[in-house]
Amino acid sequence: NVRMAKAEEALKHTSDSISEIAYQCGFASLSTFSRVFKATYGDNPTTYRRKWKLQQMFEQ
């Protein structure tokens, strides 16, 4: 899904809020965005971003 891939990249590479990312990716509702993101990636957007940042710190 193109929207989810865009959201994933934004979570990884920007400091935009989850709400901003949801809107940028075409979601009118934050709850819908969070539900679809979790179904796609296994974590809600906030947890996904936190885990990714931790992983980046350990790899450096």
PDB file of N, CA and C in Angstrom:
ATOM      1  N   ASN A   1       0.840  -1.180   0.000  1.00  0.00           N
ATOM      2  CA  ASN A   1       0.000   0.000   0.000  1.00  0.00           C
ATOM      3  C   ASN A   1       0.886   1.245   0.000  1.00  0.00           C
ATOM      4  N   VAL A   2       0.694   2.099  -0.960  1.00  0.00           N
ATOM      5  CA  VAL A   2       1.518   3.295  -1.125  1.00  0.00           C
ATOM      6  C   VAL A   2       1.376   4.246   0.064  1.00  0.00           C
ATOM      7  N   ARG A   3       0.174   4.416   0.559  1.00  0.00           N
ATOM      8  CA  ARG A   3      -0.027   5.330   1.694  1.00  0.00           C
ATOM      9  C   ARG A   3       0.699   4.840   2.937  1.00  0.00           C
ATOM     10  N   MET A   4       0.674   3.555   3.179  1.00  0.00           N
ATOM     11  CA  MET A   4       1.350   3.018   4.358  1.00  0.00           C
ATOM     12  C   MET A   4       2.868   3.116   4.211  1.00  0.00           C
ATOM     13  N   ALA A   5       3.376   2.891   3.018  1.00  0.00           N
ATOM     14  CA  ALA A   5       4.816   3.029   2.791  1.00  0.00           C
ATOM     15  C   ALA A   5       5.250   4.475   3.017  1.00  0.00           C
ATOM     16  N   LYS A   6       4.443   5.420   2.548  1.00  0.00           N
ATOM     17  CA  LYS A   6       4.732   6.841   2.764  1.00  0.00           C
ATOM     18  C   LYS A   6       4.707   7.168   4.255  1.00  0.00           C
ATOM     19  N   ALA A   7       3.727   6.632   4.963  1.00  0.00           N
ATOM     20  CA  ALA A   7       3.624   6.860   6.403  1.00  0.00           C
ATOM     21  C   ALA A   7       4.832   6.275   7.132  1.00  0.00           C
ATOM     22  N   GLU A   8       5.230   5.082   6.754  1.00  0.00           N
ATOM     23  CA  GLU A   8       6.386   4.447   7.390  1.00  0.00           C
ATOM     24  C   GLU A   8       7.637   5.302   7.208  1.00  0.00           C
ATOM     25  N   GLU A   9       7.866   5.788   5.997  1.00  0.00           N
ATOM     26  CA  GLU A   9       9.030   6.633   5.736  1.00  0.00           C
ATOM     27  C   GLU A   9       8.968   7.924   6.543  1.00  0.00           C
ATOM     28  N   ALA A  10       7.786   8.521   6.629  1.00  0.00           N
ATOM     29  CA  ALA A  10       7.633   9.758   7.401  1.00  0.00           C
ATOM     30  C   ALA A  10       7.901   9.512   8.883  1.00  0.00           C
ATOM     31  N   LEU A  11       7.442   8.396   9.402  1.00  0.00           N
ATOM     32  CA  LEU A  11       7.693   8.073  10.810  1.00  0.00           C
ATOM     33  C   LEU A  11       9.185   7.910  11.073  1.00  0.00           C
ATOM     34  N   LYS A  12       9.881   7.320  10.134  1.00  0.00           N
ATOM     35  CA  LYS A  12      11.307   7.070  10.300  1.00  0.00           C
ATOM     36  C   LYS A  12      12.151   8.327  10.115  1.00  0.00           C
ATOM     37  N   HIS A  13      11.779   9.172   9.167  1.00  0.00           N
ATOM     38  CA  HIS A  13      12.695  10.224   8.731  1.00  0.00           C
ATOM     39  C   HIS A  13      12.232  11.656   8.974  1.00  0.00           C
ATOM     40  N   THR A  14      11.107  11.838   9.658  1.00  0.00           N
ATOM     41  CA  THR A  14      10.669  13.190  10.006  1.00  0.00           C
ATOM     42  C   THR A  14      10.306  13.231  11.482  1.00  0.00           C
ATOM     43  N   SER A  15      10.159  14.428  11.982  1.00  0.00           N
ATOM     44  CA  SER A  15       9.675  14.588  13.360  1.00  0.00           C
ATOM     45  C   SER A  15       8.221  15.039  13.362  1.00  0.00           C
ATOM     46  N   ASP A  16       7.552  14.917  12.216  1.00  0.00           N
ATOM     47  CA  ASP A  16       6.135  15.281  12.123  1.00  0.00           C
ATOM     48  C   ASP A  16       5.320  14.466  13.119  1.00  0.00           C
ATOM     49  N   SER A  17       4.266  15.072  13.626  1.00  0.00           N
ATOM     50  CA  SER A  17       3.394  14.351  14.553  1.00  0.00           C
ATOM     51  C   SER A  17       2.662  13.231  13.820  1.00  0.00           C
ATOM     52  N   ILE A  18       2.170  12.284  14.575  1.00  0.00           N
ATOM     53  CA  ILE A  18       1.404  11.181  13.996  1.00  0.00           C
ATOM     54  C   ILE A  18       0.175  11.736  13.276  1.00  0.00           C
ATOM     55  N   SER A  19      -0.455  12.738  13.860  1.00  0.00           N
ATOM     56  CA  SER A  19      -1.630  13.358  13.226  1.00  0.00           C
ATOM     57  C   SER A  19      -1.272  13.983  11.887  1.00  0.00           C
ATOM     58  N   GLU A  20      -0.139  14.687  11.834  1.00  0.00           N
ATOM     59  CA  GLU A  20       0.296  15.298  10.577  1.00  0.00           C
ATOM     60  C   GLU A  20       0.563  14.233   9.516  1.00  0.00           C
ATOM     61  N   ILE A  21       1.221  13.170   9.911  1.00  0.00           N
ATOM     62  CA  ILE A  21       1.535  12.093   8.970  1.00  0.00           C
ATOM     63  C   ILE A  21       0.255  11.447   8.462  1.00  0.00           C
ATOM     64  N   ALA A  22      -0.685  11.208   9.351  1.00  0.00           N
ATOM     65  CA  ALA A  22      -1.967  10.624   8.939  1.00  0.00           C
ATOM     66  C   ALA A  22      -2.632  11.502   7.888  1.00  0.00           C
ATOM     67  N   TYR A  23      -2.672  12.802   8.140  1.00  0.00           N
ATOM     68  CA  TYR A  23      -3.288  13.742   7.200  1.00  0.00           C
ATOM     69  C   TYR A  23      -2.528  13.766   5.875  1.00  0.00           C
ATOM     70  N   GLN A  24      -1.194  13.817   5.930  1.00  0.00           N
ATOM     71  CA  GLN A  24      -0.368  13.844   4.723  1.00  0.00           C
ATOM     72  C   GLN A  24      -0.573  12.595   3.869  1.00  0.00           C
ATOM     73  N   CYS A  25      -0.914  11.500   4.518  1.00  0.00           N
ATOM     74  CA  CYS A  25      -1.095  10.234   3.804  1.00  0.00           C
ATOM     75  C   CYS A  25      -2.549   9.994   3.404  1.00  0.00           C
ATOM     76  N   GLY A  26      -3.395  10.989   3.603  1.00  0.00           N
ATOM     77  CA  GLY A  26      -4.759  10.911   3.100  1.00  0.00           C
ATOM     78  C   GLY A  26      -5.789  10.339   4.046  1.00  0.00           C
ATOM     79  N   PHE A  27      -5.456  10.250   5.326  1.00  0.00           N
ATOM     80  CA  PHE A  27      -6.418   9.736   6.298  1.00  0.00           C
ATOM     81  C   PHE A  27      -7.125  10.900   6.980  1.00  0.00           C
ATOM     82  N   ALA A  28      -8.436  10.867   7.006  1.00  0.00           N
ATOM     83  CA  ALA A  28      -9.216  11.918   7.667  1.00  0.00           C
ATOM     84  C   ALA A  28      -9.278  11.696   9.169  1.00  0.00           C
ATOM     85  N   SER A  29      -9.037  10.465   9.600  1.00  0.00           N
ATOM     86  CA  SER A  29      -9.172  10.106  11.011  1.00  0.00           C
ATOM     87  C   SER A  29      -7.873   9.493  11.525  1.00  0.00           C
ATOM     88  N   LEU A  30      -7.395  10.008  12.646  1.00  0.00           N
ATOM     89  CA  LEU A  30      -6.198   9.455  13.270  1.00  0.00           C
ATOM     90  C   LEU A  30      -6.427   8.019  13.717  1.00  0.00           C
ATOM     91  N   SER A  31      -7.619   7.730  14.215  1.00  0.00           N
ATOM     92  CA  SER A  31      -7.894   6.365  14.683  1.00  0.00           C
ATOM     93  C   SER A  31      -7.879   5.365  13.527  1.00  0.00           C
ATOM     94  N   THR A  32      -8.405   5.768  12.377  1.00  0.00           N
ATOM     95  CA  THR A  32      -8.367   4.883  11.206  1.00  0.00           C
ATOM     96  C   THR A  32      -6.929   4.661  10.764  1.00  0.00           C
ATOM     97  N   PHE A  33      -6.155   5.734  10.711  1.00  0.00           N
ATOM     98  CA  PHE A  33      -4.746   5.620  10.337  1.00  0.00           C
ATOM     99  C   PHE A  33      -4.020   4.661  11.279  1.00  0.00           C
ATOM    100  N   SER A  34      -4.207   4.847  12.572  1.00  0.00           N
ATOM    101  CA  SER A  34      -3.530   3.995  13.554  1.00  0.00           C
ATOM    102  C   SER A  34      -3.934   2.534  13.409  1.00  0.00           C
ATOM    103  N   ARG A  35      -5.207   2.293  13.182  1.00  0.00           N
ATOM    104  CA  ARG A  35      -5.697   0.919  13.026  1.00  0.00           C
ATOM    105  C   ARG A  35      -5.100   0.263  11.779  1.00  0.00           C
ATOM    106  N   VAL A  36      -5.098   0.985  10.660  1.00  0.00           N
ATOM    107  CA  VAL A  36      -4.556   0.436   9.411  1.00  0.00           C
ATOM    108  C   VAL A  36      -3.046   0.243   9.530  1.00  0.00           C
ATOM    109  N   PHE A  37      -2.360   1.196  10.157  1.00  0.00           N
ATOM    110  CA  PHE A  37      -0.915   1.078  10.323  1.00  0.00           C
ATOM    111  C   PHE A  37      -0.574  -0.151  11.160  1.00  0.00           C
ATOM    112  N   LYS A  38      -1.292  -0.331  12.266  1.00  0.00           N
ATOM    113  CA  LYS A  38      -1.032  -1.488  13.127  1.00  0.00           C
ATOM    114  C   LYS A  38      -1.317  -2.796  12.400  1.00  0.00           C
ATOM    115  N   ALA A  39      -2.366  -2.840  11.608  1.00  0.00           N
ATOM    116  CA  ALA A  39      -2.686  -4.051  10.846  1.00  0.00           C
ATOM    117  C   ALA A  39      -1.590  -4.353   9.826  1.00  0.00           C
ATOM    118  N   THR A  40      -0.953  -3.310   9.304  1.00  0.00           N
ATOM    119  CA  THR A  40       0.085  -3.479   8.288  1.00  0.00           C
ATOM    120  C   THR A  40       1.441  -3.822   8.894  1.00  0.00           C
ATOM    121  N   TYR A  41       1.824  -3.121   9.966  1.00  0.00           N
ATOM    122  CA  TYR A  41       3.178  -3.237  10.512  1.00  0.00           C
ATOM    123  C   TYR A  41       3.268  -3.912  11.883  1.00  0.00           C
ATOM    124  N   GLY A  42       2.139  -4.196  12.500  1.00  0.00           N
ATOM    125  CA  GLY A  42       2.158  -4.924  13.763  1.00  0.00           C
ATOM    126  C   GLY A  42       2.260  -4.075  15.015  1.00  0.00           C
ATOM    127  N   ASP A  43       2.507  -2.792  14.854  1.00  0.00           N
ATOM    128  CA  ASP A  43       2.577  -1.860  15.981  1.00  0.00           C
ATOM    129  C   ASP A  43       1.823  -0.599  15.615  1.00  0.00           C
ATOM    130  N   ASN A  44       1.370   0.130  16.636  1.00  0.00           N
ATOM    131  CA  ASN A  44       0.771   1.423  16.329  1.00  0.00           C
ATOM    132  C   ASN A  44       1.893   2.383  15.920  1.00  0.00           C
ATOM    133  N   PRO A  45       1.573   3.493  15.275  1.00  0.00           N
ATOM    134  CA  PRO A  45       2.617   4.384  14.753  1.00  0.00           C
ATOM    135  C   PRO A  45       3.606   4.891  15.806  1.00  0.00           C
ATOM    136  N   THR A  46       3.132   5.225  16.977  1.00  0.00           N
ATOM    137  CA  THR A  46       4.021   5.735  18.023  1.00  0.00           C
ATOM    138  C   THR A  46       5.029   4.677  18.456  1.00  0.00           C
ATOM    139  N   THR A  47       4.563   3.466  18.687  1.00  0.00           N
ATOM    140  CA  THR A  47       5.445   2.370  19.087  1.00  0.00           C
ATOM    141  C   THR A  47       6.418   2.030  17.970  1.00  0.00           C
ATOM    142  N   TYR A  48       5.930   2.010  16.730  1.00  0.00           N
ATOM    143  CA  TYR A  48       6.789   1.711  15.586  1.00  0.00           C
ATOM    144  C   TYR A  48       7.937   2.716  15.508  1.00  0.00           C
ATOM    145  N   ARG A  49       7.617   4.005  15.632  1.00  0.00           N
ATOM    146  CA  ARG A  49       8.642   5.055  15.563  1.00  0.00           C
ATOM    147  C   ARG A  49       9.648   4.891  16.701  1.00  0.00           C
ATOM    148  N   ARG A  50       9.164   4.644  17.897  1.00  0.00           N
ATOM    149  CA  ARG A  50      10.046   4.483  19.060  1.00  0.00           C
ATOM    150  C   ARG A  50      11.001   3.304  18.855  1.00  0.00           C
ATOM    151  N   LYS A  51      10.469   2.162  18.419  1.00  0.00           N
ATOM    152  CA  LYS A  51      11.306   0.974  18.189  1.00  0.00           C
ATOM    153  C   LYS A  51      12.338   1.237  17.098  1.00  0.00           C
ATOM    154  N   TRP A  52      11.936   1.926  16.034  1.00  0.00           N
ATOM    155  CA  TRP A  52      12.851   2.196  14.933  1.00  0.00           C
ATOM    156  C   TRP A  52      13.998   3.092  15.395  1.00  0.00           C
ATOM    157  N   LYS A  53      13.679   4.120  16.185  1.00  0.00           N
ATOM    158  CA  LYS A  53      14.718   5.024  16.684  1.00  0.00           C
ATOM    159  C   LYS A  53      15.684   4.288  17.606  1.00  0.00           C
ATOM    160  N   LEU A  54      15.161   3.415  18.456  1.00  0.00           N
ATOM    161  CA  LEU A  54      16.032   2.624  19.327  1.00  0.00           C
ATOM    162  C   LEU A  54      16.950   1.726  18.507  1.00  0.00           C
ATOM    163  N   GLN A  55      16.406   1.102  17.496  1.00  0.00           N
ATOM    164  CA  GLN A  55      17.202   0.234  16.632  1.00  0.00           C
ATOM    165  C   GLN A  55      18.322   1.033  15.964  1.00  0.00           C
ATOM    166  N   GLN A  56      18.030   2.241  15.516  1.00  0.00           N
ATOM    167  CA  GLN A  56      19.040   3.077  14.876  1.00  0.00           C
ATOM    168  C   GLN A  56      20.158   3.440  15.851  1.00  0.00           C
ATOM    169  N   MET A  57      19.814   3.699  17.104  1.00  0.00           N
ATOM    170  CA  MET A  57      20.830   4.032  18.107  1.00  0.00           C
ATOM    171  C   MET A  57      21.753   2.844  18.355  1.00  0.00           C
ATOM    172  N   PHE A  58      21.189   1.641  18.414  1.00  0.00           N
ATOM    173  CA  PHE A  58      22.002   0.457  18.670  1.00  0.00           C
ATOM    174  C   PHE A  58      22.898   0.110  17.492  1.00  0.00           C
ATOM    175  N   GLU A  59      22.492   0.469  16.289  1.00  0.00           N
ATOM    176  CA  GLU A  59      23.289   0.156  15.103  1.00  0.00           C
ATOM    177  C   GLU A  59      24.451   1.122  14.915  1.00  0.00           C
ATOM    178  N   GLN A  60      24.426   2.250  15.617  1.00  0.00           N
ATOM    179  CA  GLN A  60      25.503   3.233  15.435  1.00  0.00           C
ATOM    180  C   GLN A  60      26.649   2.974  16.323  1.00  0.00           C
TER     181      GLN A  60
END
